[in-house]
N, C-alpha and C. Protein backbone atom coordinates (compact mmCIF):
# COMPACT_ATOMS: atom_id res chain seq x y z
N MET A 1 0.84 -1.19 0.00
CA MET A 1 0.00 0.00 0.00
C MET A 1 0.88 1.26 0.00
N VAL A 2 0.63 2.17 -0.90
CA VAL A 2 1.41 3.38 -1.00
C VAL A 2 0.93 4.38 0.05
N LYS A 3 1.87 4.94 0.81
CA LYS A 3 1.50 5.89 1.84
C LYS A 3 1.12 7.23 1.23
N LYS A 4 0.15 7.86 1.82
CA LYS A 4 -0.23 9.20 1.40
C LYS A 4 0.73 10.19 2.02
N GLN A 5 1.15 11.13 1.24
CA GLN A 5 2.08 12.13 1.73
C GLN A 5 1.34 13.44 1.97
N ALA A 6 1.48 13.97 3.18
CA ALA A 6 0.84 15.24 3.48
C ALA A 6 1.44 16.31 2.58
N PRO A 7 0.63 17.20 2.03
CA PRO A 7 1.11 18.20 1.08
C PRO A 7 2.30 19.00 1.58
N GLU A 8 2.31 19.31 2.89
CA GLU A 8 3.37 20.15 3.40
C GLU A 8 4.59 19.37 3.89
N ALA A 9 4.45 18.07 4.08
CA ALA A 9 5.52 17.28 4.68
C ALA A 9 6.79 17.28 3.83
N GLN A 10 6.63 17.21 2.51
CA GLN A 10 7.79 17.14 1.64
C GLN A 10 8.61 18.44 1.66
N ASP A 11 8.01 19.52 2.16
CA ASP A 11 8.72 20.80 2.21
C ASP A 11 9.38 21.05 3.55
N LEU A 12 9.11 20.21 4.54
CA LEU A 12 9.70 20.42 5.87
C LEU A 12 11.21 20.17 5.85
N VAL A 13 11.91 20.96 6.66
CA VAL A 13 13.36 20.80 6.81
C VAL A 13 13.64 20.48 8.27
N VAL A 14 14.28 19.34 8.51
CA VAL A 14 14.52 18.86 9.88
C VAL A 14 16.00 18.52 10.05
N LEU A 15 16.53 18.81 11.22
CA LEU A 15 17.90 18.46 11.57
C LEU A 15 17.89 17.52 12.76
N VAL A 16 18.55 16.37 12.63
CA VAL A 16 18.69 15.40 13.72
C VAL A 16 20.16 15.38 14.14
N ALA A 17 20.42 15.70 15.40
CA ALA A 17 21.80 15.74 15.89
C ALA A 17 21.96 14.77 17.05
N ASP A 18 22.77 13.75 16.85
CA ASP A 18 23.00 12.72 17.87
C ASP A 18 24.34 12.06 17.56
N ASP A 19 25.15 11.80 18.59
CA ASP A 19 26.46 11.21 18.32
C ASP A 19 26.43 9.69 18.20
N HIS A 20 25.26 9.07 18.38
CA HIS A 20 25.12 7.64 18.12
C HIS A 20 24.55 7.46 16.72
N ALA A 21 25.41 7.05 15.80
CA ALA A 21 25.03 7.00 14.39
C ALA A 21 23.82 6.11 14.13
N LEU A 22 23.74 4.97 14.79
CA LEU A 22 22.64 4.05 14.54
C LEU A 22 21.31 4.67 14.95
N PHE A 23 21.28 5.29 16.13
CA PHE A 23 20.05 5.94 16.58
C PHE A 23 19.70 7.11 15.67
N ARG A 24 20.71 7.91 15.33
CA ARG A 24 20.48 9.09 14.49
C ARG A 24 19.90 8.69 13.13
N GLN A 25 20.46 7.66 12.55
CA GLN A 25 19.98 7.23 11.24
C GLN A 25 18.59 6.63 11.32
N GLY A 26 18.31 5.91 12.43
CA GLY A 26 16.97 5.36 12.61
C GLY A 26 15.94 6.45 12.79
N PHE A 27 16.30 7.48 13.54
CA PHE A 27 15.42 8.63 13.76
C PHE A 27 15.13 9.33 12.44
N ALA A 28 16.18 9.51 11.65
CA ALA A 28 16.01 10.15 10.34
C ALA A 28 15.14 9.30 9.43
N PHE A 29 15.28 7.99 9.52
CA PHE A 29 14.45 7.09 8.71
C PHE A 29 12.97 7.26 9.05
N LEU A 30 12.66 7.35 10.35
CA LEU A 30 11.26 7.54 10.75
C LEU A 30 10.70 8.84 10.16
N LEU A 31 11.50 9.88 10.18
CA LEU A 31 11.06 11.16 9.63
C LEU A 31 10.77 11.04 8.13
N ARG A 32 11.66 10.36 7.43
CA ARG A 32 11.50 10.25 5.97
C ARG A 32 10.40 9.25 5.59
N ASP A 33 10.42 8.07 6.24
CA ASP A 33 9.54 6.99 5.80
C ASP A 33 8.14 7.07 6.39
N ASP A 34 8.04 7.38 7.67
CA ASP A 34 6.73 7.39 8.32
C ASP A 34 6.04 8.75 8.26
N LEU A 35 6.84 9.82 8.33
CA LEU A 35 6.26 11.16 8.30
C LEU A 35 6.39 11.83 6.94
N GLN A 36 7.15 11.19 6.05
CA GLN A 36 7.32 11.68 4.69
C GLN A 36 7.96 13.07 4.63
N VAL A 37 8.83 13.37 5.59
CA VAL A 37 9.55 14.64 5.59
C VAL A 37 10.55 14.63 4.44
N GLY A 38 10.54 15.69 3.66
CA GLY A 38 11.35 15.71 2.45
C GLY A 38 12.81 16.04 2.63
N ASN A 39 13.15 16.80 3.67
CA ASN A 39 14.53 17.25 3.84
C ASN A 39 14.99 16.97 5.27
N VAL A 40 15.75 15.90 5.43
CA VAL A 40 16.26 15.52 6.75
C VAL A 40 17.78 15.58 6.73
N HIS A 41 18.35 16.41 7.60
CA HIS A 41 19.80 16.56 7.71
C HIS A 41 20.27 15.91 9.01
N GLN A 42 21.52 15.46 9.02
CA GLN A 42 22.05 14.79 10.20
C GLN A 42 23.39 15.38 10.61
N ALA A 43 23.65 15.36 11.93
CA ALA A 43 24.93 15.82 12.46
C ALA A 43 25.29 14.95 13.65
N GLY A 44 26.59 14.73 13.84
CA GLY A 44 27.05 13.85 14.90
C GLY A 44 27.53 14.54 16.15
N ASP A 45 27.62 15.88 16.15
CA ASP A 45 28.00 16.62 17.34
C ASP A 45 27.42 18.02 17.26
N LEU A 46 27.52 18.76 18.35
CA LEU A 46 26.88 20.06 18.42
C LEU A 46 27.45 21.04 17.40
N GLU A 47 28.77 21.09 17.29
CA GLU A 47 29.37 22.06 16.37
C GLU A 47 28.92 21.82 14.94
N ALA A 48 28.92 20.55 14.52
CA ALA A 48 28.47 20.22 13.17
C ALA A 48 27.00 20.59 12.98
N ALA A 49 26.20 20.36 14.03
CA ALA A 49 24.78 20.68 13.97
C ALA A 49 24.56 22.18 13.82
N LEU A 50 25.31 22.97 14.58
CA LEU A 50 25.16 24.42 14.54
C LEU A 50 25.58 24.99 13.20
N ASP A 51 26.71 24.51 12.70
CA ASP A 51 27.18 25.00 11.41
C ASP A 51 26.20 24.64 10.30
N LEU A 52 25.65 23.43 10.36
CA LEU A 52 24.69 23.01 9.35
C LEU A 52 23.41 23.85 9.46
N ALA A 53 22.94 24.03 10.70
CA ALA A 53 21.72 24.81 10.90
C ALA A 53 21.89 26.23 10.40
N ALA A 54 23.06 26.81 10.65
CA ALA A 54 23.31 28.19 10.24
C ALA A 54 23.37 28.33 8.72
N SER A 55 23.68 27.23 8.03
CA SER A 55 23.80 27.29 6.57
C SER A 55 22.45 27.13 5.86
N LEU A 56 21.42 26.73 6.60
CA LEU A 56 20.12 26.48 5.99
C LEU A 56 19.25 27.73 6.00
N ASP A 57 18.54 27.95 4.92
CA ASP A 57 17.65 29.11 4.84
C ASP A 57 16.42 28.92 5.71
N ARG A 58 16.07 27.66 5.96
CA ARG A 58 14.87 27.37 6.74
C ARG A 58 15.11 26.09 7.54
N LEU A 59 14.62 26.06 8.75
CA LEU A 59 14.76 24.87 9.58
C LEU A 59 13.52 24.76 10.45
N ASP A 60 12.66 23.78 10.15
CA ASP A 60 11.38 23.66 10.84
C ASP A 60 11.50 22.96 12.18
N LEU A 61 12.40 21.99 12.28
CA LEU A 61 12.52 21.20 13.52
C LEU A 61 13.96 20.80 13.75
N ILE A 62 14.42 20.93 14.99
CA ILE A 62 15.74 20.46 15.40
C ILE A 62 15.54 19.45 16.52
N ALA A 63 16.10 18.26 16.37
CA ALA A 63 16.06 17.23 17.42
C ALA A 63 17.48 17.05 17.94
N LEU A 64 17.70 17.42 19.20
CA LEU A 64 19.04 17.41 19.79
C LEU A 64 19.15 16.38 20.91
N ASP A 65 20.18 15.55 20.83
CA ASP A 65 20.52 14.67 21.95
C ASP A 65 21.18 15.56 23.00
N ILE A 66 20.59 15.67 24.18
CA ILE A 66 21.09 16.62 25.17
C ILE A 66 22.41 16.17 25.80
N ASN A 67 22.83 14.94 25.54
CA ASN A 67 24.08 14.45 26.12
C ASN A 67 25.18 14.23 25.08
N MET A 68 24.98 14.72 23.87
CA MET A 68 25.99 14.47 22.85
C MET A 68 27.18 15.42 23.01
N LEU A 69 28.25 15.13 22.30
CA LEU A 69 29.48 15.89 22.37
C LEU A 69 29.24 17.37 22.11
N GLY A 70 29.67 18.21 23.04
CA GLY A 70 29.57 19.65 22.86
C GLY A 70 28.33 20.30 23.43
N MET A 71 27.38 19.51 23.93
CA MET A 71 26.11 20.10 24.38
C MET A 71 26.23 20.89 25.68
N SER A 72 27.09 20.48 26.59
CA SER A 72 27.22 21.14 27.89
C SER A 72 25.89 21.16 28.64
N GLY A 73 25.13 20.10 28.49
CA GLY A 73 23.89 19.97 29.25
C GLY A 73 22.82 20.96 28.86
N LEU A 74 22.03 21.36 29.86
CA LEU A 74 20.88 22.23 29.61
C LEU A 74 21.29 23.62 29.15
N GLU A 75 22.48 24.07 29.55
CA GLU A 75 22.92 25.39 29.11
C GLU A 75 23.10 25.42 27.60
N GLY A 76 23.65 24.33 27.04
CA GLY A 76 23.80 24.25 25.60
C GLY A 76 22.45 24.18 24.90
N PHE A 77 21.52 23.45 25.51
CA PHE A 77 20.20 23.33 24.91
C PHE A 77 19.49 24.69 24.92
N ALA A 78 19.62 25.41 26.04
CA ALA A 78 18.99 26.73 26.16
C ALA A 78 19.58 27.70 25.14
N ALA A 79 20.89 27.62 24.93
CA ALA A 79 21.52 28.50 23.95
C ALA A 79 21.06 28.17 22.54
N ALA A 80 20.84 26.88 22.27
CA ALA A 80 20.32 26.47 20.95
C ALA A 80 18.92 27.04 20.76
N ARG A 81 18.12 27.04 21.82
CA ARG A 81 16.79 27.62 21.74
C ARG A 81 16.86 29.10 21.36
N ASP A 82 17.79 29.83 21.98
CA ASP A 82 17.93 31.25 21.70
C ASP A 82 18.47 31.50 20.30
N ALA A 83 19.39 30.63 19.85
CA ALA A 83 20.01 30.82 18.53
C ALA A 83 19.04 30.54 17.39
N PHE A 84 18.06 29.67 17.62
CA PHE A 84 17.11 29.32 16.56
C PHE A 84 15.68 29.45 17.07
N PRO A 85 15.25 30.67 17.35
CA PRO A 85 13.94 30.89 17.97
C PRO A 85 12.75 30.52 17.11
N ASN A 86 12.94 30.44 15.80
CA ASN A 86 11.82 30.17 14.90
C ASN A 86 11.68 28.69 14.55
N SER A 87 12.56 27.86 15.08
CA SER A 87 12.50 26.42 14.80
C SER A 87 11.85 25.69 15.97
N ARG A 88 11.10 24.64 15.68
CA ARG A 88 10.62 23.75 16.73
C ARG A 88 11.83 22.98 17.24
N LEU A 89 11.95 22.84 18.56
CA LEU A 89 13.14 22.24 19.15
C LEU A 89 12.75 21.16 20.14
N VAL A 90 13.23 19.93 19.91
CA VAL A 90 12.94 18.84 20.82
C VAL A 90 14.24 18.27 21.38
N ALA A 91 14.17 17.88 22.64
CA ALA A 91 15.29 17.21 23.29
C ALA A 91 15.10 15.71 23.13
N VAL A 92 16.19 15.02 22.85
CA VAL A 92 16.18 13.56 22.74
C VAL A 92 17.16 13.03 23.78
N SER A 93 16.73 12.06 24.59
CA SER A 93 17.61 11.60 25.65
C SER A 93 17.26 10.20 26.11
N ALA A 94 18.27 9.49 26.62
CA ALA A 94 18.04 8.18 27.22
C ALA A 94 17.50 8.32 28.64
N SER A 95 17.58 9.54 29.17
CA SER A 95 17.10 9.79 30.53
C SER A 95 15.61 10.08 30.52
N GLU A 96 14.92 9.59 31.55
CA GLU A 96 13.51 9.93 31.74
C GLU A 96 13.30 10.52 33.13
N ARG A 97 14.37 11.00 33.74
CA ARG A 97 14.26 11.58 35.07
C ARG A 97 13.42 12.85 35.01
N PRO A 98 12.47 13.00 35.94
CA PRO A 98 11.59 14.18 35.93
C PRO A 98 12.36 15.49 35.89
N GLU A 99 13.50 15.57 36.60
CA GLU A 99 14.26 16.81 36.62
C GLU A 99 14.87 17.14 35.27
N ASP A 100 15.23 16.11 34.50
CA ASP A 100 15.77 16.34 33.15
C ASP A 100 14.68 16.82 32.21
N VAL A 101 13.51 16.19 32.32
CA VAL A 101 12.39 16.59 31.47
C VAL A 101 11.98 18.03 31.79
N ALA A 102 11.83 18.33 33.09
CA ALA A 102 11.46 19.68 33.49
C ALA A 102 12.52 20.68 33.06
N GLY A 103 13.78 20.27 33.13
CA GLY A 103 14.87 21.17 32.77
C GLY A 103 14.85 21.60 31.32
N VAL A 104 14.59 20.66 30.42
CA VAL A 104 14.59 21.04 29.00
C VAL A 104 13.38 21.90 28.66
N PHE A 105 12.25 21.66 29.34
CA PHE A 105 11.11 22.53 29.09
C PHE A 105 11.36 23.93 29.64
N ALA A 106 12.05 24.01 30.78
CA ALA A 106 12.42 25.31 31.32
C ALA A 106 13.37 26.04 30.37
N ALA A 107 14.16 25.26 29.61
CA ALA A 107 15.10 25.84 28.66
C ALA A 107 14.44 26.17 27.32
N GLY A 108 13.15 25.86 27.18
CA GLY A 108 12.45 26.26 25.97
C GLY A 108 12.14 25.15 24.98
N ALA A 109 12.16 23.89 25.43
CA ALA A 109 11.88 22.78 24.51
C ALA A 109 10.41 22.77 24.08
N ASP A 110 10.19 22.30 22.88
CA ASP A 110 8.83 22.06 22.38
C ASP A 110 8.43 20.60 22.59
N GLY A 111 9.38 19.79 23.01
CA GLY A 111 9.09 18.38 23.27
C GLY A 111 10.29 17.68 23.87
N PHE A 112 10.02 16.56 24.54
CA PHE A 112 11.07 15.72 25.11
C PHE A 112 10.78 14.30 24.65
N ILE A 113 11.70 13.70 23.88
CA ILE A 113 11.48 12.37 23.33
C ILE A 113 12.49 11.39 23.94
N PRO A 114 12.04 10.53 24.85
CA PRO A 114 12.94 9.51 25.41
C PRO A 114 13.36 8.51 24.34
N LYS A 115 14.61 8.10 24.38
CA LYS A 115 15.09 7.14 23.39
C LYS A 115 14.45 5.76 23.57
N GLN A 116 13.82 5.54 24.73
CA GLN A 116 13.18 4.26 24.99
C GLN A 116 11.83 4.12 24.29
N LEU A 117 11.31 5.19 23.70
CA LEU A 117 10.02 5.12 23.04
C LEU A 117 10.05 4.14 21.87
N THR A 118 8.92 3.50 21.61
CA THR A 118 8.80 2.64 20.43
C THR A 118 8.80 3.52 19.19
N PRO A 119 9.10 2.95 18.02
CA PRO A 119 9.04 3.75 16.79
C PRO A 119 7.68 4.40 16.58
N GLU A 120 6.60 3.65 16.91
CA GLU A 120 5.25 4.20 16.73
C GLU A 120 5.02 5.41 17.64
N ALA A 121 5.47 5.30 18.89
CA ALA A 121 5.30 6.40 19.84
C ALA A 121 6.18 7.59 19.46
N THR A 122 7.36 7.31 18.92
CA THR A 122 8.25 8.39 18.48
C THR A 122 7.63 9.16 17.33
N VAL A 123 7.03 8.43 16.39
CA VAL A 123 6.35 9.08 15.27
C VAL A 123 5.22 9.97 15.77
N ALA A 124 4.44 9.45 16.73
CA ALA A 124 3.34 10.23 17.29
C ALA A 124 3.85 11.49 17.98
N ALA A 125 4.99 11.37 18.69
CA ALA A 125 5.58 12.52 19.37
C ALA A 125 6.01 13.58 18.35
N LEU A 126 6.63 13.13 17.27
CA LEU A 126 7.07 14.07 16.24
C LEU A 126 5.89 14.74 15.55
N GLN A 127 4.83 13.99 15.32
CA GLN A 127 3.63 14.57 14.72
C GLN A 127 3.05 15.65 15.61
N THR A 128 3.09 15.41 16.92
CA THR A 128 2.57 16.39 17.88
C THR A 128 3.37 17.70 17.80
N VAL A 129 4.69 17.57 17.81
CA VAL A 129 5.55 18.76 17.78
C VAL A 129 5.44 19.48 16.44
N LEU A 130 5.46 18.73 15.35
CA LEU A 130 5.35 19.35 14.02
C LEU A 130 3.99 20.00 13.82
N GLY A 131 3.01 19.52 14.57
CA GLY A 131 1.67 20.10 14.50
C GLY A 131 1.52 21.36 15.33
N GLY A 132 2.61 21.77 15.98
CA GLY A 132 2.59 23.01 16.74
C GLY A 132 2.26 22.86 18.20
N GLU A 133 2.15 21.62 18.69
CA GLU A 133 1.85 21.38 20.09
C GLU A 133 3.08 20.91 20.85
N ARG A 134 3.00 20.93 22.16
CA ARG A 134 4.10 20.47 23.01
C ARG A 134 3.92 18.99 23.30
N TYR A 135 5.02 18.23 23.18
CA TYR A 135 4.96 16.80 23.51
C TYR A 135 5.63 16.56 24.86
N VAL A 136 4.87 15.97 25.77
CA VAL A 136 5.38 15.60 27.10
C VAL A 136 5.26 14.09 27.24
N PRO A 137 6.32 13.39 27.66
CA PRO A 137 6.28 11.93 27.77
C PRO A 137 5.15 11.44 28.67
N VAL A 138 4.60 10.29 28.34
CA VAL A 138 3.57 9.67 29.17
C VAL A 138 4.12 9.42 30.57
N GLY A 139 3.32 9.74 31.58
CA GLY A 139 3.76 9.54 32.95
C GLY A 139 4.41 10.76 33.56
N PHE A 140 4.61 11.79 32.74
CA PHE A 140 5.18 13.03 33.26
C PHE A 140 4.10 14.10 33.25
N SER A 141 3.89 14.75 34.36
CA SER A 141 2.82 15.74 34.48
C SER A 141 3.13 16.99 33.67
N PRO A 142 2.23 17.38 32.76
CA PRO A 142 2.44 18.62 32.00
C PRO A 142 2.58 19.84 32.89
N VAL A 143 2.06 19.75 34.12
CA VAL A 143 2.16 20.89 35.04
C VAL A 143 3.61 21.22 35.33
N ALA A 144 4.44 20.18 35.34
CA ALA A 144 5.85 20.40 35.65
C ALA A 144 6.62 20.97 34.47
N ALA A 145 5.99 20.91 33.28
CA ALA A 145 6.64 21.45 32.09
C ALA A 145 6.43 22.96 32.08
N VAL A 146 7.33 23.67 32.70
CA VAL A 146 7.14 25.10 32.89
C VAL A 146 7.23 25.85 31.57
N PRO A 147 6.62 27.04 31.47
CA PRO A 147 6.63 27.79 30.22
C PRO A 147 8.03 28.16 29.77
N ARG A 148 8.18 28.40 28.46
CA ARG A 148 9.46 28.82 27.91
C ARG A 148 9.87 30.14 28.54
N PRO A 149 11.11 30.24 29.01
CA PRO A 149 11.54 31.47 29.66
C PRO A 149 11.75 32.59 28.66
N ALA A 150 11.61 33.81 29.13
CA ALA A 150 11.89 34.96 28.28
C ALA A 150 13.39 35.06 28.07
N ALA A 151 13.79 35.65 26.94
CA ALA A 151 15.22 35.80 26.67
C ALA A 151 15.86 36.60 27.80
N GLY A 152 17.04 36.12 28.22
CA GLY A 152 17.77 36.86 29.23
C GLY A 152 17.51 36.43 30.66
N THR A 153 16.71 35.38 30.87
CA THR A 153 16.45 34.96 32.24
C THR A 153 17.61 34.16 32.81
N GLY A 154 18.30 33.40 31.94
CA GLY A 154 19.50 32.69 32.36
C GLY A 154 19.24 31.41 33.11
N LEU A 155 20.11 30.41 32.89
CA LEU A 155 20.07 29.17 33.64
C LEU A 155 21.28 29.09 34.57
N SER A 156 22.23 29.92 34.33
CA SER A 156 23.45 29.88 35.11
C SER A 156 24.00 31.29 35.23
N GLY A 157 24.65 31.58 36.35
CA GLY A 157 25.19 32.91 36.53
C GLY A 157 26.63 33.02 36.10
N THR A 158 27.21 31.97 35.54
CA THR A 158 28.62 31.96 35.21
C THR A 158 28.85 31.72 33.72
N LEU A 159 29.64 32.59 33.11
CA LEU A 159 30.00 32.39 31.71
C LEU A 159 30.96 31.21 31.60
N THR A 160 30.81 30.40 30.56
CA THR A 160 31.77 29.33 30.30
C THR A 160 33.05 29.96 29.74
N PRO A 161 34.16 29.23 29.78
CA PRO A 161 35.40 29.78 29.21
C PRO A 161 35.25 30.18 27.74
N ARG A 162 34.54 29.38 26.96
CA ARG A 162 34.37 29.71 25.55
C ARG A 162 33.48 30.93 25.37
N GLN A 163 32.42 31.05 26.18
CA GLN A 163 31.56 32.23 26.12
C GLN A 163 32.37 33.48 26.46
N THR A 164 33.23 33.38 27.46
CA THR A 164 34.07 34.50 27.86
C THR A 164 35.00 34.91 26.72
N GLU A 165 35.57 33.92 26.06
CA GLU A 165 36.48 34.19 24.95
C GLU A 165 35.76 34.87 23.79
N VAL A 166 34.59 34.34 23.45
CA VAL A 166 33.80 34.91 22.36
C VAL A 166 33.35 36.32 22.70
N LEU A 167 32.92 36.53 23.94
CA LEU A 167 32.46 37.84 24.38
C LEU A 167 33.59 38.87 24.33
N GLY A 168 34.80 38.43 24.68
CA GLY A 168 35.95 39.32 24.61
C GLY A 168 36.19 39.83 23.20
N HIS A 169 36.05 38.96 22.22
CA HIS A 169 36.20 39.38 20.82
C HIS A 169 35.04 40.28 20.40
N LEU A 170 33.85 40.00 20.92
CA LEU A 170 32.70 40.84 20.59
C LEU A 170 32.94 42.27 21.09
N MET A 171 33.56 42.41 22.25
CA MET A 171 33.83 43.72 22.81
C MET A 171 34.86 44.49 21.99
N GLN A 172 35.62 43.79 21.17
CA GLN A 172 36.56 44.44 20.28
C GLN A 172 35.91 44.90 18.98
N GLY A 173 34.59 44.64 18.87
CA GLY A 173 33.86 45.08 17.70
C GLY A 173 33.80 44.07 16.57
N LEU A 174 34.24 42.83 16.82
CA LEU A 174 34.24 41.81 15.76
C LEU A 174 32.84 41.26 15.54
N SER A 175 32.53 40.94 14.30
CA SER A 175 31.27 40.29 13.95
C SER A 175 31.39 38.80 14.24
N ALA A 176 30.25 38.08 14.18
CA ALA A 176 30.29 36.63 14.42
C ALA A 176 31.20 35.94 13.41
N LYS A 177 31.17 36.40 12.17
CA LYS A 177 32.02 35.80 11.14
C LYS A 177 33.50 36.03 11.45
N GLU A 178 33.84 37.24 11.90
CA GLU A 178 35.23 37.56 12.23
C GLU A 178 35.69 36.79 13.46
N ILE A 179 34.79 36.62 14.43
CA ILE A 179 35.13 35.84 15.62
C ILE A 179 35.38 34.39 15.24
N SER A 180 34.57 33.87 14.33
CA SER A 180 34.73 32.47 13.92
C SER A 180 36.10 32.26 13.27
N ARG A 181 36.55 33.23 12.51
CA ARG A 181 37.88 33.12 11.88
C ARG A 181 38.98 33.24 12.93
N ALA A 182 38.80 34.14 13.88
CA ALA A 182 39.83 34.35 14.90
C ALA A 182 40.00 33.13 15.80
N LEU A 183 38.89 32.46 16.09
CA LEU A 183 38.94 31.31 17.00
C LEU A 183 38.92 29.96 16.28
N ASN A 184 38.87 30.01 14.96
CA ASN A 184 38.82 28.78 14.16
C ASN A 184 37.61 27.93 14.53
N LEU A 185 36.46 28.60 14.67
CA LEU A 185 35.20 27.93 14.97
C LEU A 185 34.22 28.19 13.83
N GLY A 186 33.19 27.34 13.71
CA GLY A 186 32.15 27.60 12.75
C GLY A 186 31.35 28.82 13.19
N GLU A 187 30.82 29.56 12.23
CA GLU A 187 30.04 30.75 12.57
C GLU A 187 28.81 30.39 13.39
N GLY A 188 28.19 29.24 13.07
CA GLY A 188 27.04 28.80 13.85
C GLY A 188 27.41 28.52 15.30
N THR A 189 28.60 27.97 15.51
CA THR A 189 29.06 27.69 16.87
C THR A 189 29.28 28.98 17.64
N VAL A 190 29.84 29.97 16.99
CA VAL A 190 30.03 31.27 17.63
C VAL A 190 28.68 31.86 18.03
N ARG A 191 27.70 31.75 17.15
CA ARG A 191 26.38 32.30 17.44
C ARG A 191 25.76 31.67 18.68
N ILE A 192 25.93 30.37 18.84
CA ILE A 192 25.32 29.72 20.01
C ILE A 192 26.06 30.08 21.29
N HIS A 193 27.38 30.30 21.21
CA HIS A 193 28.10 30.74 22.40
C HIS A 193 27.68 32.16 22.77
N LEU A 194 27.44 32.99 21.77
CA LEU A 194 26.96 34.34 22.05
C LEU A 194 25.57 34.30 22.66
N ALA A 195 24.71 33.43 22.12
CA ALA A 195 23.35 33.31 22.67
C ALA A 195 23.40 32.86 24.12
N GLY A 196 24.29 31.92 24.41
CA GLY A 196 24.44 31.47 25.79
C GLY A 196 24.96 32.56 26.70
N ALA A 197 25.90 33.37 26.19
CA ALA A 197 26.43 34.48 26.98
C ALA A 197 25.35 35.52 27.25
N TYR A 198 24.54 35.82 26.24
CA TYR A 198 23.45 36.78 26.42
C TYR A 198 22.50 36.29 27.51
N ARG A 199 22.18 35.00 27.47
CA ARG A 199 21.26 34.43 28.46
C ARG A 199 21.85 34.55 29.86
N THR A 200 23.12 34.20 29.99
CA THR A 200 23.76 34.25 31.30
C THR A 200 23.84 35.67 31.85
N LEU A 201 24.12 36.63 30.96
CA LEU A 201 24.25 38.02 31.37
C LEU A 201 22.90 38.70 31.57
N GLY A 202 21.83 38.08 31.06
CA GLY A 202 20.52 38.67 31.19
C GLY A 202 20.30 39.83 30.23
N VAL A 203 20.90 39.72 29.01
CA VAL A 203 20.76 40.77 28.02
C VAL A 203 20.15 40.19 26.75
N ARG A 204 19.78 41.08 25.80
CA ARG A 204 19.09 40.63 24.60
C ARG A 204 19.87 40.83 23.30
N ASN A 205 20.92 41.62 23.32
CA ASN A 205 21.66 41.87 22.07
C ASN A 205 23.11 42.21 22.38
N ARG A 206 23.89 42.40 21.31
CA ARG A 206 25.33 42.60 21.49
C ARG A 206 25.65 43.92 22.19
N VAL A 207 24.86 44.97 21.94
CA VAL A 207 25.10 46.25 22.59
C VAL A 207 24.94 46.12 24.10
N GLU A 208 23.83 45.49 24.52
CA GLU A 208 23.61 45.29 25.95
C GLU A 208 24.67 44.38 26.55
N ALA A 209 25.11 43.38 25.77
CA ALA A 209 26.13 42.45 26.26
C ALA A 209 27.44 43.17 26.51
N VAL A 210 27.84 44.04 25.60
CA VAL A 210 29.10 44.78 25.76
C VAL A 210 29.03 45.70 26.97
N LEU A 211 27.91 46.40 27.13
CA LEU A 211 27.75 47.31 28.27
C LEU A 211 27.78 46.55 29.59
N LYS A 212 27.11 45.38 29.62
CA LYS A 212 27.07 44.57 30.84
C LYS A 212 28.45 43.98 31.14
N ALA A 213 29.14 43.51 30.10
CA ALA A 213 30.45 42.89 30.30
C ALA A 213 31.46 43.87 30.86
N LYS A 214 31.33 45.15 30.51
CA LYS A 214 32.27 46.17 31.00
C LYS A 214 32.20 46.34 32.51
N THR A 215 31.12 45.87 33.11
CA THR A 215 30.99 45.98 34.56
C THR A 215 31.53 44.76 35.29
N LEU A 216 31.96 43.74 34.53
CA LEU A 216 32.39 42.48 35.13
C LEU A 216 33.90 42.40 35.27
N PRO A 217 34.37 41.69 36.29
CA PRO A 217 35.82 41.49 36.45
C PRO A 217 36.40 40.79 35.22
N GLY A 218 37.52 41.26 34.77
CA GLY A 218 38.16 40.64 33.61
C GLY A 218 37.75 41.29 32.29
N PHE A 219 36.69 42.10 32.32
CA PHE A 219 36.24 42.80 31.13
C PHE A 219 36.33 44.31 31.29
N GLY A 220 36.97 44.76 32.37
CA GLY A 220 37.07 46.20 32.59
C GLY A 220 36.25 46.68 33.75
N GLY A 221 35.53 45.71 34.44
CA GLY A 221 34.70 46.11 35.56
C GLY A 221 35.48 46.23 36.85
């Protein structure tokens, strides 16, 4: 029996980022075969995912393994949310601990997909998220899934070493592209470090970030 393809499905652009190749490829297969998504991209680590995402003109859904190389836990996930505000963003994890689920929703997730889900349940979860709704795992109270935080609320009060380094170059007036060349990083990676720095500092743009950084030790404060 030939599957019917939803008119809009073939136009969707999805990125799956997971450092376990077998799981990543299986997840991509479900998107292509069961949901008939026309454009599925894959990445094996955060930097590759960010660079790929930054190169795409449109990205409807990003599925991130929260424990893959380069993620730095919930802080990395929150920065990804800030860097790609117009994309649906789901966390994928082998963990089903309530605190992990609540954490990703606090960081702005549109869904949390445990790796233990059956293929059928995973497809249903993806359909929910692509349909514009929030997916919460069975057995987890939606009440605990707190609303997406406003930009600048922060999950941590401390800049990471890489955020500090990127912010230092920003204060010199360099653009994201120039910072990427100076640090030998992908431009997408620089953007997510900047987004994370903005969140930690409680600011919304580069001007506010520079002004705030000038008050901090090590930046002239």
